């Protein structure tokens, strides 16, 4: 598995977990998923990840998700 594929997989898993924890506003998950699908390079995925963190930071459900999830420590996503 390439670094791109691994990062993409982690990002998709994180989007699903954020959705499961009701972090997204209606329609928001689809927009982020589209950003992941359109990514052609690792740097594109990293920009999606950084933008996601910037947009969601400060939301109570996101902050709780970050405190309780292993994405904080075991994945390069969200760092």
C-alpha atoms as a PDB file:
ATOM      1  CA  UNK A   1       0.000   0.000   0.000  1.00  0.00           C
ATOM      2  CA  UNK A   2       1.371   3.400  -0.935  1.00  0.00           C
ATOM      3  CA  UNK A   3       1.572   6.339   1.447  1.00  0.00           C
ATOM      4  CA  UNK A   4      -1.132   8.077  -0.615  1.00  0.00           C
ATOM      5  CA  UNK A   5      -3.449   5.067  -0.319  1.00  0.00           C
ATOM      6  CA  UNK A   6      -2.840   4.731   3.382  1.00  0.00           C
ATOM      7  CA  UNK A   7      -3.477   8.424   4.039  1.00  0.00           C
ATOM      8  CA  UNK A   8      -6.588   8.341   1.844  1.00  0.00           C
ATOM      9  CA  UNK A   9      -7.913   5.313   3.713  1.00  0.00           C
ATOM     10  CA  UNK A  10      -7.293   6.975   7.088  1.00  0.00           C
ATOM     11  CA  UNK A  11      -8.987  10.166   5.927  1.00  0.00           C
ATOM     12  CA  UNK A  12     -12.035   8.257   4.669  1.00  0.00           C
ATOM     13  CA  UNK A  13     -12.218   6.344   7.954  1.00  0.00           C
ATOM     14  CA  UNK A  14     -12.000   9.594   9.887  1.00  0.00           C
ATOM     15  CA  UNK A  15     -14.800  11.170   7.807  1.00  0.00           C
ATOM     16  CA  UNK A  16     -17.010   8.178   8.573  1.00  0.00           C
ATOM     17  CA  UNK A  17     -16.185   8.401  12.295  1.00  0.00           C
ATOM     18  CA  UNK A  18     -16.881  12.142  12.348  1.00  0.00           C
ATOM     19  CA  UNK A  19     -20.217  11.464  10.643  1.00  0.00           C
ATOM     20  CA  UNK A  20     -21.026   8.714  13.144  1.00  0.00           C
ATOM     21  CA  UNK A  21     -20.395  11.256  15.921  1.00  0.00           C
ATOM     22  CA  UNK A  22     -22.687  13.864  14.308  1.00  0.00           C
ATOM     23  CA  UNK A  23     -19.877  16.385  13.858  1.00  0.00           C
ATOM     24  CA  UNK A  24     -20.931  17.452  10.362  1.00  0.00           C
ATOM     25  CA  UNK A  25     -23.679  19.834   9.390  1.00  0.00           C
ATOM     26  CA  UNK A  26     -26.130  18.490   6.780  1.00  0.00           C
ATOM     27  CA  UNK A  27     -24.359  17.897   3.465  1.00  0.00           C
ATOM     28  CA  UNK A  28     -20.922  18.623   4.881  1.00  0.00           C
ATOM     29  CA  UNK A  29     -19.628  15.049   4.856  1.00  0.00           C
ATOM     30  CA  UNK A  30     -20.349  14.738   1.148  1.00  0.00           C
ATOM     31  CA  UNK A  31     -18.339  17.870   0.406  1.00  0.00           C
ATOM     32  CA  UNK A  32     -15.334  16.573   2.359  1.00  0.00           C
ATOM     33  CA  UNK A  33     -15.631  13.145   0.748  1.00  0.00           C
ATOM     34  CA  UNK A  34     -15.597  14.820  -2.662  1.00  0.00           C
ATOM     35  CA  UNK A  35     -12.382  16.609  -1.713  1.00  0.00           C
ATOM     36  CA  UNK A  36     -10.785  13.267  -0.863  1.00  0.00           C
ATOM     37  CA  UNK A  37     -12.039  11.668  -4.078  1.00  0.00           C
ATOM     38  CA  UNK A  38     -10.640  14.503  -6.205  1.00  0.00           C
ATOM     39  CA  UNK A  39      -7.199  14.366  -4.581  1.00  0.00           C
ATOM     40  CA  UNK A  40      -4.473  13.294  -6.974  1.00  0.00           C
ATOM     41  CA  UNK A  41      -1.428  13.696  -4.734  1.00  0.00           C
ATOM     42  CA  UNK A  42      -0.587  13.238  -1.073  1.00  0.00           C
ATOM     43  CA  UNK A  43      -0.315  17.010  -0.723  1.00  0.00           C
ATOM     44  CA  UNK A  44      -3.951  17.315  -1.882  1.00  0.00           C
ATOM     45  CA  UNK A  45      -5.074  14.940   0.866  1.00  0.00           C
ATOM     46  CA  UNK A  46      -3.015  16.815   3.409  1.00  0.00           C
ATOM     47  CA  UNK A  47      -4.652  20.097   2.368  1.00  0.00           C
ATOM     48  CA  UNK A  48      -8.106  18.520   2.751  1.00  0.00           C
ATOM     49  CA  UNK A  49      -7.120  17.283   6.194  1.00  0.00           C
ATOM     50  CA  UNK A  50      -5.778  20.688   7.267  1.00  0.00           C
ATOM     51  CA  UNK A  51      -8.865  22.488   5.958  1.00  0.00           C
ATOM     52  CA  UNK A  52     -11.125  19.999   7.718  1.00  0.00           C
ATOM     53  CA  UNK A  53      -9.417  20.588  11.048  1.00  0.00           C
ATOM     54  CA  UNK A  54      -9.551  24.350  10.561  1.00  0.00           C
ATOM     55  CA  UNK A  55     -13.274  24.325   9.754  1.00  0.00           C
ATOM     56  CA  UNK A  56     -14.284  21.916  12.515  1.00  0.00           C
ATOM     57  CA  UNK A  57     -12.030  23.212  15.294  1.00  0.00           C
ATOM     58  CA  UNK A  58     -14.031  24.719  18.091  1.00  0.00           C
ATOM     59  CA  UNK A  59     -17.140  22.662  17.466  1.00  0.00           C
ATOM     60  CA  UNK A  60     -18.009  20.895  20.685  1.00  0.00           C
ATOM     61  CA  UNK A  61     -18.639  17.540  19.006  1.00  0.00           C
ATOM     62  CA  UNK A  62     -15.353  17.763  17.085  1.00  0.00           C
ATOM     63  CA  UNK A  63     -13.387  18.618  20.204  1.00  0.00           C
ATOM     64  CA  UNK A  64     -14.993  15.683  22.012  1.00  0.00           C
ATOM     65  CA  UNK A  65     -14.231  13.396  19.049  1.00  0.00           C
ATOM     66  CA  UNK A  66     -10.585  14.464  19.090  1.00  0.00           C
ATOM     67  CA  UNK A  67     -10.287  13.865  22.825  1.00  0.00           C
ATOM     68  CA  UNK A  68     -11.848  10.412  22.597  1.00  0.00           C
ATOM     69  CA  UNK A  69     -10.508   9.082  19.287  1.00  0.00           C
ATOM     70  CA  UNK A  70      -7.267   7.381  18.352  1.00  0.00           C
ATOM     71  CA  UNK A  71      -6.903   9.583  15.258  1.00  0.00           C
ATOM     72  CA  UNK A  72      -5.028  11.946  17.530  1.00  0.00           C
ATOM     73  CA  UNK A  73      -2.217   9.511  18.250  1.00  0.00           C
ATOM     74  CA  UNK A  74      -2.248   6.581  15.852  1.00  0.00           C
ATOM     75  CA  UNK A  75      -2.824   8.228  12.503  1.00  0.00           C
ATOM     76  CA  UNK A  76      -1.056  10.943  10.549  1.00  0.00           C
ATOM     77  CA  UNK A  77      -4.505  12.300   9.739  1.00  0.00           C
ATOM     78  CA  UNK A  78      -5.520  15.250  11.912  1.00  0.00           C
ATOM     79  CA  UNK A  79      -2.010  15.978  13.115  1.00  0.00           C
END
